[in-house]
Each structure stands twice: as structure tokens, then as C-alpha cells.
Amino acid sequence: MITPVILSGGSGTRLWPLSRNQLPKQFINLIGDISPFQETILRLPDKVSNPLIICNEVHRFLAAEQLRQINLEPDAILLEPVGKNTAPAIALAALKLLKNNQDPVLLVLPADHNIKDENSFHESISIAETLAKKNKLITFGVFPRKAETGYGYIKVKSNIKKKYYEIESFIEKPNKKNAKKFLSDGNYLWNSGIYMFKASVYLKELEKYEPKILSICKKSLLKEHKDMDFLRIDNNEFSKCPSISIDYAIMERTRNALLVGLDANWSDIGSWESLMDLRKKDANGNVSEGDVILDNVKNTYSLSSNRLITASGVSDLIIIDTPDALLISNRKQENNIKNLVDKLKINERSEIQNHRKVYRPWGYYDSIDNGLGFQVKRILVNPGGKLSLQKHLHRAEHWVVIKGVATITCGKNTQDLKKNQSTYIPKGKIHRLENLQEKPLEIIEIQTGEYLGEDDIIRFEDAYNRN
């Protein structure tokens, strides 16, 4: 039986400002009505086990909620205390599944790919499964459609005519000249980052080439424990693990690897350019989403999520407008977006972490306005949701109900407030907001005080086991 392992870490910095640390690209509806994370799971073949999900602490409720939306019960949601790249993450999955007295064939999938031809994808999986059961480590190589510089390449030992190949070498992302040469040579494929092998075979190779990783991952799982929907491991132990990809750790060194060709109209949604390639273009090569009006504009990607975008007499631009950040970039230099994000990090800008709308396990809040000594938020609490029992040392809050019924605890008193009713939460007062109804609750929260940061929360009790 195949057990999918879904790697859903990462922050997708090249898709900033849409993709951010707290809400990265794999959990955003980039194409259609569901996220790449959900699509990755829904396109799996029918005869596979429930997937094991690997994600980090920050994204755990996003993953759980999106699984609930597609009515899927995972094998487990394993939380990485800190990102250590793919080799350790896959080791944790392999060890976990072997602990259940199984030796499944693992299908390792990043959560941010787009695959249009599912039938061809399933055919490649079937070929790879046969080889994996013979103790081979399989990587999937995509038949290149153009001289792409944004992907790594894999060189095979024969021209591309068969269904699987022996591997000659792995090549980092090339420059344009080398990418053109790879395309014309005919024995280079794009490195998809998708793998298949038995759990035991992967661990055996890891013990041979990176024994420290295997040892630390084993120790990390000794203290595993269940926390709601999540599986936690030993944070202190796992933090000692080297950070290395599966390609560097295993695939480039083993003599036991094969490549299966993937001709399924695959793309890695890693940049605005790759996302633009998946969109329908107008007669001038433009992609426009949202409220956009163009005049004499060519080959430009415009996305408005908040207000009207107008442009005239320009070409080859990326224009991305979100409620709190605007990006304008040359399409031919879009790799510089990572440099821009690095500058935002240096300046400690909040826009790399959160959107204006921030999702929580109980719902979300939207920061409507702020100024010196005040902040206004619109808060939505899902049916049955409740905020932690908490207090603030530096701010007071005024709540106005605009939809639903709010159950409010303030000190020793609890009351229900309906639409147009309000209450005041003094600074330092222990309080809680709950929605005990079957419909969503919306309130306006006005904060006042000398400090309004999100870290001014002292939690006494939390339904979601947050610190």
C-alpha cells in the first residue's frame, strides 16, 4: 500500500505579498476554489492510505482546517519544531510509519505543485510503485517544455524514450544558456521534488550516508505525544539535526536510485511568472485578476484584492495589490523579490509575517485601522469557537457586536450580547469571547493603550493548547 507524505512547510517568499510566513502559498486558493495543499491530496490515486502531513507549528491549524474542508482524516499531522529541510522531515515520516509495524511505500509530495493531467500522474506513480517494491529509490523527472532557469535538472544516462531511467547527475538551477543546451540535448529532465520508496529502504540509505540525521530523528520520536489533531516530537532533540535536502543527503549519493518520467503538465507554483503561465491571457499577453483596467499594456500580471488597479503604457510588469502591501516588479527580474523580502526582514516589517486578515483556530481578525494609541479590528468567531481566557497588561478593549450572539466573560461575570450591544474590557481584566451559537459571530474591537502588539496576551486557558 502507498502512503502519501505531504510536505507542507515553507513560506513561498517569491509569491510575496500574497504568500507570507503565517499564510504561505500552499494554503492560499491560487488557482480555483481550493488551495494547492488540498489539490495535492485530492489528486492522489484512489488506492492509497490516508496521507501523513508534515507541517510546522505556525501552520498546524491551517492544515487541520483545510483537511476538514475536504472531509479527509489524515494518518497524522506531524509537527516539525523547526524546519530542517526535506531529508529529516521524510525520516520522521518513515520512522513513524515503521513504528506501526508497517513498511509502506512512501509517496513524498510537496504541497505546492500544479498537475493538470492526473491520469498521466497516476500512470507514473504506478510505474514508480513497481520499482519501489524492488527496493529502488525513485525520483520523478518532468519532461521539459522550455529552457527553464527556475528548476533544478536531472541528467539521465540515455535519451528520453523509456518510462524510467538511470540517473547520471543532479544539476542546480542553470543560467539561460545552459538551460537551452539541456533542452536541446534531450537527456535532461526537471527535478520535480517528488519521490517514492519503501520506508525501510530510505532509512537504510540514510543510515549509510547521514547517520546523524537518523539518530536524531529516532531520539526525537521517543518523546512523541498527541496534542489534539497533532503529533509532537522532542523539540530540543530535533533542533540538533542537520538541515539538508533529500537530494544532497541521499539521491545524489546512492547507487540505488532511478528516475521515472512525469509527463503530466506539471509546474511548481514558485513564482509570479509560473503562476502567470497557468492563467488565461488576453490578446496582449496580460493576466488580470480582480478590479483591473489596462490601457496599452502588454505581458503584465495584475492582481487586485482590495481596490482598483489602473495601468497605462507599460509592459512586462508584475503588479500585486493586497490590503496592506503593493508590489511592482519587472517580470524579467522577479527573482529579486526574495531580495526585497530580505530587506523587509532586516527592517522587521510585519508585512512578511501576516496579512491584514489573520487566521486563528477560532476564526480570524481583520485589522481595519490603527493610529497612535488605538487599533480597530473586525473579529469573526466560528460557531463553537472561543478565544483564550486571557488578559492584557497594556491595552483596554471595547467590543461591539455586529452579527450573531457573543458570550463574554469579564472577571467573574458572563453575559450574552446581541447585535448593536457593546461592552468594555478594562486593562488587566481577565476575559474571554465565545460563540456558542450555530452561526458565525462578528464584532468590532477597538483597542486603546500605550502598546498594542499581539504579544501582549497572557493566556490562562486555551481550547487549542496554545502558549
Foldseek 3Di string as FASTA:
>chain_A
DEAEEEEEEDFLLLPPPVTFRLRGQQQDPLDPDGGLLLVVQVLDDPPYAFYEYEYAPSCVLSVVVSCVVVPGQHPAYEHAPDAQAALLVLLLVLVVVVVVVDFHKYKYYYSFKDFAASVLVVVLVVVQVVLQVVLFKEFEFELDPALDQPFKKWFFDDAPDDQKGHTDATGHRDPSVVSRVQNVVRGMTTGRLIIIHTSVSSLVQLCVQPVVSNVLSVQQQVPWDDAPRHIYTNNVSNVPHHRDYCCVRGVRPDNRYMYGYGHGPMDGPNHPVRSLVVDDADPQLEDEEDAEDEECEHNEYAYDPDDYHYYYDYYQWYWYDDPPDIDIDRNVPSVCSVVVVVVCVVVVPCSNHDGQWRADSQGIKHFDDDDQFKTKIKDKGAAFGKFFFKAFQWKKKKKAWQQAWKWKDWAPDTDIDHHRDIDIHDHPIGMMIGHNDNGMTIMMMMMGGNDDDPVRIDGDGGPNPDD
